[in-house]
């Protein structure tokens, strides 16, 4: 039986204050198994990116429960949550989030070093070679193309061998062909390592490559029967 990596129960979150409050997530129940690739899709403002940040441990629920890789994130202190995230969750952002004054090798190795991982630079070198950047180890982000920067970000996310890989619009800043190459890399590494992949995207072709799609509308998950009966109403 497949292990459950993500379990959300009645997940609720409101952001903002006073008259500007927005009820972003509304009692979401969700279960994702080990090795699944799941695409979260929905219109702008539907809550899909906030849901992804909750899964990544970067947003706290107001109420409800979230368990990732058997750890109840809603019960952890901030320090314990940061430690857990560094060991168990790899994150790839649309805008890469590389440190400009660090080389590709340093961008991958330093988070490992901060987490007291043994041989961080050896691991970083191996991961960069695995994403096709063995000859770009000592280049700075400004010397790399967008696709190469995203490859560094993927290497950094995979370096701790996380149980969960989170990707927020991973091809959003790339041209079509480079985006396809990055998608190929993400899915091949996910399959190779048996990692659970959860991504948010506006790209319907990218979402369709996932083993499952989750549709979000107005802070709630859309039931499967509604998706089947009116898919055009859920266009991203």
Protein backbone atom coordinates (compact mmCIF):
# COMPACT_ATOMS: atom_id res chain seq x y z
CA UNK A 1 0.00 0.00 0.00
CA UNK A 2 1.33 3.43 -1.00
CA UNK A 3 2.52 5.60 1.90
CA UNK A 4 0.69 8.90 2.37
CA UNK A 5 3.15 11.80 2.15
CA UNK A 6 0.67 14.69 2.48
CA UNK A 7 -2.52 14.74 4.54
CA UNK A 8 -4.63 17.87 4.94
CA UNK A 9 -7.71 17.86 7.17
CA UNK A 10 -10.12 20.82 7.24
CA UNK A 11 -7.27 23.18 6.32
CA UNK A 12 -8.40 26.77 6.76
CA UNK A 13 -6.47 30.01 6.23
CA UNK A 14 -7.36 33.70 6.13
CA UNK A 15 -4.82 36.31 5.03
CA UNK A 16 -4.78 40.07 5.53
CA UNK A 17 -6.37 42.11 8.28
CA UNK A 18 -9.46 44.20 9.01
CA UNK A 19 -11.39 45.07 5.83
CA UNK A 20 -8.65 43.52 3.66
CA UNK A 21 -9.02 39.96 4.99
CA UNK A 22 -9.41 37.19 2.43
CA UNK A 23 -10.56 33.68 3.27
CA UNK A 24 -7.97 31.95 1.07
CA UNK A 25 -8.37 28.27 1.99
CA UNK A 26 -11.73 26.90 3.10
CA UNK A 27 -11.72 23.59 4.94
CA UNK A 28 -9.59 21.64 2.47
CA UNK A 29 -9.19 17.87 2.79
CA UNK A 30 -6.44 16.37 0.65
CA UNK A 31 -4.31 13.23 0.57
CA UNK A 32 -1.27 12.68 -1.68
CA UNK A 33 0.68 9.42 -1.84
CA UNK A 34 4.37 8.70 -2.13
CA UNK A 35 5.68 8.99 -5.69
CA UNK A 36 2.64 10.83 -7.06
CA UNK A 37 2.99 13.83 -9.34
CA UNK A 38 0.15 16.25 -8.69
CA UNK A 39 -0.69 19.43 -10.58
CA UNK A 40 -2.64 22.13 -8.73
CA UNK A 41 -4.57 24.26 -11.20
CA UNK A 42 -7.19 26.98 -11.05
CA UNK A 43 -7.88 30.62 -11.93
CA UNK A 44 -5.73 33.46 -10.60
CA UNK A 45 -6.72 34.22 -7.02
CA UNK A 46 -8.24 30.79 -6.45
CA UNK A 47 -5.83 29.97 -3.61
CA UNK A 48 -3.67 27.40 -5.41
CA UNK A 49 -0.32 29.11 -4.71
CA UNK A 50 -1.27 29.62 -1.07
CA UNK A 51 -2.17 25.94 -0.84
CA UNK A 52 1.26 25.09 -2.25
CA UNK A 53 2.96 27.33 0.34
CA UNK A 54 1.03 25.55 3.10
CA UNK A 55 2.25 22.20 1.76
CA UNK A 56 5.79 23.58 1.69
CA UNK A 57 5.57 24.67 5.32
CA UNK A 58 5.90 28.34 4.37
CA UNK A 59 2.39 29.36 5.45
CA UNK A 60 0.71 28.41 8.72
CA UNK A 61 -2.91 27.27 8.86
CA UNK A 62 -5.39 29.14 11.06
CA UNK A 63 -7.09 25.84 11.79
CA UNK A 64 -7.06 22.26 10.61
CA UNK A 65 -4.20 19.79 10.31
CA UNK A 66 -1.33 19.21 7.91
CA UNK A 67 0.92 16.16 8.02
CA UNK A 68 3.91 15.81 5.67
CA UNK A 69 5.97 12.62 5.66
CA UNK A 70 4.34 11.58 8.97
CA UNK A 71 5.20 14.91 10.68
CA UNK A 72 2.32 17.14 11.94
CA UNK A 73 3.51 20.53 10.68
CA UNK A 74 0.73 22.41 12.48
CA UNK A 75 2.20 21.31 15.83
CA UNK A 76 5.83 22.26 15.15
CA UNK A 77 7.62 25.36 16.44
CA UNK A 78 9.09 27.71 13.85
CA UNK A 79 12.60 26.33 14.43
CA UNK A 80 11.43 22.71 14.22
CA UNK A 81 9.43 23.50 11.08
CA UNK A 82 12.44 25.14 9.39
CA UNK A 83 14.60 22.15 10.28
CA UNK A 84 12.01 19.70 8.96
CA UNK A 85 11.55 21.69 5.75
CA UNK A 86 15.30 21.73 5.09
CA UNK A 87 15.50 17.93 5.37
CA UNK A 88 12.23 16.85 3.77
CA UNK A 89 10.95 19.46 1.31
CA UNK A 90 12.64 20.73 -1.83
CA UNK A 91 11.21 23.92 -3.36
CA UNK A 92 11.56 25.28 -6.90
CA UNK A 93 10.26 28.82 -7.49
CA UNK A 94 9.28 30.56 -10.72
CA UNK A 95 11.96 33.23 -10.24
CA UNK A 96 14.74 30.79 -9.26
CA UNK A 97 15.67 32.54 -5.95
CA UNK A 98 19.41 32.01 -6.35
CA UNK A 99 21.91 34.07 -4.37
CA UNK A 100 23.58 36.42 -6.86
CA UNK A 101 27.03 36.54 -5.24
CA UNK A 102 27.33 32.76 -4.91
CA UNK A 103 28.40 30.35 -7.65
CA UNK A 104 26.11 27.57 -8.82
CA UNK A 105 28.08 25.16 -6.62
CA UNK A 106 27.75 27.41 -3.58
CA UNK A 107 24.02 27.98 -4.16
CA UNK A 108 23.47 24.23 -3.90
CA UNK A 109 26.06 23.46 -1.21
CA UNK A 110 25.49 26.24 1.32
CA UNK A 111 21.95 25.18 2.35
CA UNK A 112 23.33 21.67 2.90
CA UNK A 113 26.20 23.11 4.93
CA UNK A 114 23.78 25.12 7.09
CA UNK A 115 21.82 21.91 7.72
CA UNK A 116 25.04 20.21 8.91
CA UNK A 117 24.98 17.75 6.01
CA UNK A 118 28.21 15.84 5.54
CA UNK A 119 30.22 16.56 2.37
CA UNK A 120 27.90 19.33 1.13
CA UNK A 121 30.13 20.39 -1.78
CA UNK A 122 30.50 16.81 -3.00
CA UNK A 123 26.71 16.41 -2.96
CA UNK A 124 26.23 19.77 -4.69
CA UNK A 125 28.73 18.88 -7.40
CA UNK A 126 27.00 15.55 -8.02
CA UNK A 127 23.54 17.16 -8.20
CA UNK A 128 24.68 19.85 -10.62
CA UNK A 129 26.26 17.22 -12.83
CA UNK A 130 22.98 15.28 -12.71
CA UNK A 131 21.06 18.28 -14.13
CA UNK A 132 23.61 18.86 -16.90
CA UNK A 133 25.63 21.68 -15.32
CA UNK A 134 28.90 19.91 -14.59
CA UNK A 135 30.76 22.54 -16.61
CA UNK A 136 29.02 25.53 -14.96
CA UNK A 137 29.85 24.87 -11.29
CA UNK A 138 31.77 28.10 -10.78
CA UNK A 139 29.48 30.39 -12.74
CA UNK A 140 27.36 33.00 -10.93
CA UNK A 141 23.60 33.30 -11.59
CA UNK A 142 24.17 36.40 -13.72
CA UNK A 143 26.38 34.33 -16.01
CA UNK A 144 23.72 31.65 -16.53
CA UNK A 145 20.67 31.57 -18.78
CA UNK A 146 17.19 31.33 -17.27
CA UNK A 147 17.03 27.62 -18.01
CA UNK A 148 20.43 27.06 -16.41
CA UNK A 149 19.40 29.03 -13.32
CA UNK A 150 16.30 26.86 -12.97
CA UNK A 151 18.50 23.76 -13.28
CA UNK A 152 20.59 25.06 -10.38
CA UNK A 153 17.37 25.60 -8.41
CA UNK A 154 16.27 22.03 -9.15
CA UNK A 155 19.66 20.67 -8.09
CA UNK A 156 19.39 22.66 -4.86
CA UNK A 157 15.88 21.34 -4.21
CA UNK A 158 16.91 17.73 -4.82
CA UNK A 159 20.22 17.83 -2.95
CA UNK A 160 18.79 16.87 0.51
CA UNK A 161 16.94 13.89 -1.09
CA UNK A 162 13.56 15.30 0.02
CA UNK A 163 10.41 13.22 0.34
CA UNK A 164 8.44 16.07 -1.24
CA UNK A 165 9.35 18.31 -4.18
CA UNK A 166 7.30 21.51 -4.50
CA UNK A 167 7.35 23.59 -7.69
CA UNK A 168 5.60 26.96 -8.08
CA UNK A 169 5.19 27.81 -11.80
CA UNK A 170 8.59 26.20 -12.55
CA UNK A 171 8.44 27.07 -16.27
CA UNK A 172 6.70 30.43 -15.91
CA UNK A 173 9.78 32.58 -16.63
CA UNK A 174 11.08 30.46 -19.50
CA UNK A 175 10.46 30.26 -23.24
CA UNK A 176 8.47 27.33 -24.56
CA UNK A 177 11.38 25.07 -25.52
CA UNK A 178 13.40 25.76 -22.37
CA UNK A 179 10.25 25.25 -20.30
CA UNK A 180 9.73 21.85 -21.93
CA UNK A 181 13.31 20.86 -21.12
CA UNK A 182 12.89 21.92 -17.48
CA UNK A 183 9.60 19.99 -17.25
CA UNK A 184 11.32 16.91 -18.71
CA UNK A 185 14.05 17.26 -16.09
CA UNK A 186 11.61 17.65 -13.19
CA UNK A 187 9.55 14.62 -14.13
CA UNK A 188 12.56 12.44 -14.92
CA UNK A 189 14.21 13.21 -11.57
CA UNK A 190 10.92 12.70 -9.73
CA UNK A 191 10.42 9.30 -11.34
CA UNK A 192 14.05 8.29 -10.90
CA UNK A 193 14.01 9.02 -7.16
CA UNK A 194 10.43 8.13 -6.29
CA UNK A 195 9.90 11.63 -4.90
CA UNK A 196 6.41 13.09 -4.53
CA UNK A 197 6.02 16.12 -6.81
CA UNK A 198 3.38 18.82 -6.31
CA UNK A 199 3.35 21.76 -8.68
CA UNK A 200 1.24 24.82 -9.41
CA UNK A 201 1.02 25.88 -13.05
CA UNK A 202 -1.06 27.86 -15.52
CA UNK A 203 0.36 25.63 -18.27
CA UNK A 204 -2.32 23.04 -19.06
CA UNK A 205 0.17 20.86 -20.97
CA UNK A 206 2.47 20.75 -17.94
CA UNK A 207 -0.42 19.96 -15.58
CA UNK A 208 -1.55 17.17 -17.91
CA UNK A 209 1.82 15.42 -17.47
CA UNK A 210 1.07 14.90 -13.77
CA UNK A 211 -0.46 11.63 -12.61
CA UNK A 212 -3.29 13.64 -11.03
CA UNK A 213 -4.70 17.17 -11.20
CA UNK A 214 -6.35 19.04 -8.34
CA UNK A 215 -8.62 21.94 -9.28
CA UNK A 216 -8.97 24.86 -6.87
CA UNK A 217 -11.74 27.45 -7.05
CA UNK A 218 -12.44 30.20 -4.50
CA UNK A 219 -10.28 28.54 -1.86
CA UNK A 220 -11.86 25.09 -2.11
CA UNK A 221 -11.16 21.91 -4.04
CA UNK A 222 -13.50 21.28 -6.95
CA UNK A 223 -15.12 17.81 -6.75
CA UNK A 224 -14.12 15.41 -9.51
CA UNK A 225 -17.67 15.14 -10.87
CA UNK A 226 -17.75 18.94 -11.43
CA UNK A 227 -14.41 18.81 -13.23
CA UNK A 228 -15.71 16.09 -15.54
CA UNK A 229 -19.03 17.80 -16.23
CA UNK A 230 -17.77 21.34 -16.87
CA UNK A 231 -13.99 21.43 -17.51
CA UNK A 232 -14.27 24.67 -19.51
CA UNK A 233 -15.47 26.51 -16.39
CA UNK A 234 -12.20 25.65 -14.64
CA UNK A 235 -9.85 27.08 -17.21
CA UNK A 236 -6.71 28.60 -15.71
